[in-house]
Protein backbone atom coordinates (compact mmCIF):
# COMPACT_ATOMS: atom_id res chain seq x y z
CA MET A 1 181.37 226.13 145.39
CA LYS A 2 182.53 226.93 141.85
CA HIS A 3 185.98 225.70 142.86
CA ALA A 4 184.45 222.43 144.06
CA ALA A 5 182.83 221.71 140.71
CA LYS A 6 186.02 222.58 138.78
CA SER A 7 188.18 220.41 141.02
CA CYS A 8 185.74 217.52 140.73
CA ALA A 9 185.73 217.75 136.97
CA ALA A 10 189.51 217.77 136.93
CA GLY A 11 189.63 214.68 139.16
CA ARG A 12 191.54 216.41 141.94
CA THR A 13 189.23 215.46 144.76
CA GLY A 14 191.72 213.60 146.89
CA GLY A 15 189.43 210.59 146.94
CA GLU A 16 191.68 208.43 144.79
CA LYS A 17 193.72 207.32 147.81
CA PHE A 18 190.54 206.45 149.71
CA GLU A 19 189.07 204.59 146.73
CA LYS A 20 192.25 202.49 146.38
CA ALA A 21 192.17 201.58 150.08
CA PHE A 22 188.44 200.84 149.91
CA SER A 23 188.81 198.61 146.84
CA LYS A 24 191.49 196.61 148.66
CA GLY A 25 189.12 196.01 151.56
CA GLN A 26 191.06 198.23 153.95
CA GLY A 27 188.13 200.39 154.95
CA MET A 28 184.43 200.96 154.83
CA ARG A 29 182.65 203.90 153.23
CA ARG A 30 181.97 206.48 155.88
CA LYS A 31 178.49 207.94 155.94
CA ILE A 32 177.86 211.69 156.01
CA LEU A 33 174.59 213.59 156.45
CA LEU A 34 174.54 216.96 154.63
CA VAL A 35 171.89 219.45 155.77
CA ASP A 36 171.45 222.64 153.74
CA ASP A 37 168.43 224.49 152.35
CA GLU A 38 170.35 225.63 149.25
CA VAL A 39 169.85 222.76 146.81
CA ALA A 40 172.75 223.82 144.55
CA VAL A 41 175.18 223.75 147.48
CA LEU A 42 173.73 220.48 148.74
CA LEU A 43 174.04 218.70 145.38
CA THR A 44 177.55 220.04 144.70
CA LEU A 45 178.83 218.93 148.10
CA LYS A 46 177.10 215.57 147.73
CA ALA A 47 178.81 214.99 144.37
CA VAL A 48 182.23 216.03 145.70
CA LEU A 49 181.94 213.75 148.74
CA GLU A 50 180.59 210.76 146.80
CA ILE A 51 183.38 211.02 144.22
CA SER A 52 185.79 211.07 147.17
CA GLY A 53 184.43 207.79 148.52
CA PHE A 54 181.83 208.84 151.07
CA ASP A 55 178.26 207.58 151.34
CA VAL A 56 176.11 210.74 151.51
CA ASP A 57 172.54 211.42 152.63
CA THR A 58 170.99 214.86 152.25
CA ALA A 59 168.34 216.90 154.02
CA THR A 60 166.97 220.28 152.89
CA SER A 61 165.77 221.43 156.31
CA ALA A 62 166.65 221.14 159.98
CA ARG A 63 163.45 219.14 160.53
CA ASP A 64 164.38 216.61 157.82
CA GLY A 65 167.96 216.44 159.12
CA LYS A 66 166.81 215.69 162.67
CA LEU A 67 164.50 212.93 161.39
CA LYS A 68 167.37 211.31 159.49
CA LEU A 69 169.65 211.55 162.53
CA ARG A 70 167.12 209.51 164.53
CA LYS A 71 166.49 207.00 161.73
CA PHE A 72 170.04 206.34 160.47
CA GLN A 73 173.59 206.32 161.78
CA TYR A 74 176.26 208.69 160.45
CA ASP A 75 180.01 209.13 160.91
CA MET A 76 179.68 212.86 160.29
CA VAL A 77 177.02 215.55 160.04
CA ILE A 78 177.65 218.71 158.05
CA THR A 79 174.89 221.30 158.52
CA ASP A 80 174.32 224.81 157.26
CA MET A 81 174.13 227.32 160.08
CA ARG A 82 171.11 229.30 158.82
CA MET A 83 168.20 227.62 157.08
CA GLU A 84 164.53 228.01 158.04
CA SER A 85 165.62 230.18 160.96
CA GLU A 86 168.80 231.65 162.43
CA GLU A 87 169.06 228.70 164.84
CA SER A 88 168.23 225.82 162.45
CA GLY A 89 171.83 224.65 162.24
CA VAL A 90 172.18 224.68 166.03
CA GLU A 91 169.06 222.49 166.26
CA VAL A 92 170.68 219.94 163.94
CA VAL A 93 173.91 220.06 165.97
CA LYS A 94 171.99 219.43 169.21
CA ALA A 95 170.18 216.47 167.63
CA ALA A 96 173.50 215.06 166.39
CA ARG A 97 175.06 215.51 169.87
CA ALA A 98 172.11 213.61 171.37
CA ALA A 99 172.63 210.66 168.99
CA ALA A 100 174.04 207.59 170.75
CA TYR A 101 176.48 206.91 167.90
CA GLN A 102 178.23 210.30 168.38
CA PRO A 103 178.97 211.60 164.87
CA ALA A 104 181.57 214.25 164.11
CA ILE A 105 179.79 217.56 163.48
CA ALA A 106 180.75 220.42 161.17
CA MET A 107 178.83 223.68 160.84
CA LEU A 108 178.75 225.11 157.30
CA THR A 109 178.24 228.82 156.70
CA ALA A 110 178.78 231.58 154.18
CA PHE A 111 178.67 234.10 157.05
CA PRO A 112 181.46 233.18 159.47
CA THR A 113 181.51 234.66 162.93
CA ASP A 114 184.70 235.54 164.76
CA GLU A 115 187.31 232.83 165.23
CA ASP A 116 185.70 231.13 168.24
CA GLY A 117 182.18 232.56 168.12
CA TRP A 118 180.73 229.44 166.48
CA GLN A 119 181.80 227.10 169.29
CA TYR A 120 178.65 227.83 171.32
CA THR A 121 176.83 225.72 168.72
CA GLY A 122 178.43 222.48 169.88
CA ALA A 123 179.93 221.73 166.47
CA ASP A 124 183.45 220.32 166.22
CA LYS A 125 184.46 222.45 163.21
CA MET A 126 183.34 225.48 161.22
CA LEU A 127 183.51 225.17 157.43
CA VAL A 128 183.19 228.39 155.42
CA LYS A 129 181.62 228.25 151.96
CA PRO A 130 182.66 228.58 149.22
CA MET A 131 185.81 226.55 149.65
CA GLN A 132 188.26 224.73 147.40
CA THR A 133 187.47 221.04 147.14
CA ARG A 134 190.92 219.89 148.23
CA ILE A 135 190.79 222.03 151.38
CA LEU A 136 187.24 220.89 152.17
CA LEU A 137 188.21 217.23 151.89
CA GLN A 138 191.35 217.73 153.99
CA GLN A 139 189.32 219.40 156.73
CA ILE A 140 186.67 216.65 156.67
CA GLU A 141 189.31 213.89 156.80
CA LYS A 142 191.15 215.61 159.66
CA LEU A 143 187.93 216.09 161.62
CA LEU A 144 186.91 212.46 161.11
CA GLU A 145 190.34 211.22 162.20
CA THR A 146 190.50 213.35 165.35
CA HIS A 147 186.88 212.58 166.22
CA GLU A 148 187.39 208.81 165.79
CA ALA A 149 190.56 208.95 167.90
CA LYS A 150 188.73 210.87 170.62
CA LYS A 151 185.86 208.36 170.62
CA ALA A 152 188.31 205.45 170.81
CA LYS A 153 190.18 207.06 173.69
CA VAL A 154 186.95 207.66 175.63
CA ALA A 155 185.87 204.07 174.96
CA GLY A 156 189.19 202.82 176.36
CA ASP A 157 190.43 201.35 173.07
CA PRO A 158 194.09 200.41 173.59
CA ALA A 159 194.77 201.14 169.91
CA ALA A 160 193.70 204.78 170.27
CA PRO A 161 196.44 207.18 169.14
CA GLY A 162 198.38 208.68 172.02
CA LYS A 163 197.18 206.05 174.46
CA THR A 164 199.65 203.66 176.03
CA VAL A 165 198.63 200.25 177.27
CA LYS A 166 199.68 199.60 180.85
CA LYS A 167 200.19 196.10 182.19
CA SER A 168 198.52 195.21 185.41
CA ALA A 169 200.77 194.35 188.40
CA PRO A 170 200.15 190.56 188.18
CA LYS A 171 200.90 190.58 184.44
CA LYS A 172 204.12 192.54 185.03
CA ALA A 173 205.26 190.05 187.66
CA ALA A 174 204.35 187.10 185.44
CA SER A 175 206.24 188.55 182.49
CA LYS A 176 209.33 189.03 184.69
CA ARG A 177 209.19 185.39 185.82
CA VAL A 178 208.89 183.99 182.32
CA GLY A 179 212.29 182.94 181.08
CA THR A 180 214.04 183.65 184.37
CA ALA A 181 213.48 180.30 186.05
CA LYS A 182 216.68 178.43 186.70
CA PRO A 183 216.92 175.14 184.93
CA THR A 184 216.75 172.17 187.22
CA THR A 185 219.03 169.27 186.72
CA LYS A 186 218.23 165.73 187.85
CA LYS A 187 220.84 163.90 189.87
């Protein structure tokens, strides 16, 4: 996390682009819940994300994180893997998966497992700490984008990336008839 603090101080957070878009009314601040029992990590990540344009809530335990998940709505949840117990992070992930608003979920750990070993947790992404701020923000943005696209596709949003809008048969026939009628002339 030392890299995060240095990058923040230098203003290289990557949030400038977001802040410009937000100030022009092109977007809303996305809300993230951070859950970690290490207060130094929690406060550093919170500062990095807030400087980058996110609205951030924090929780210092799995219990507190689960309460906040029920009380508020988040676009993303980032939780430490090990807190009060070895399975604390998994408990937070399960609570986030059960939320009706379906947030993106990232598991944060200083002790990464093998490449795919973390996927049993139900998280969308594994973030390994410490990490450079720029890389962290890129991974969060990418996860939010892919998660939002997936939610839109499931919801049947015609604007979802990779989804084509098909015309129904009556609409196709109607669009073929428009402009093809022969002009009638009066005698």
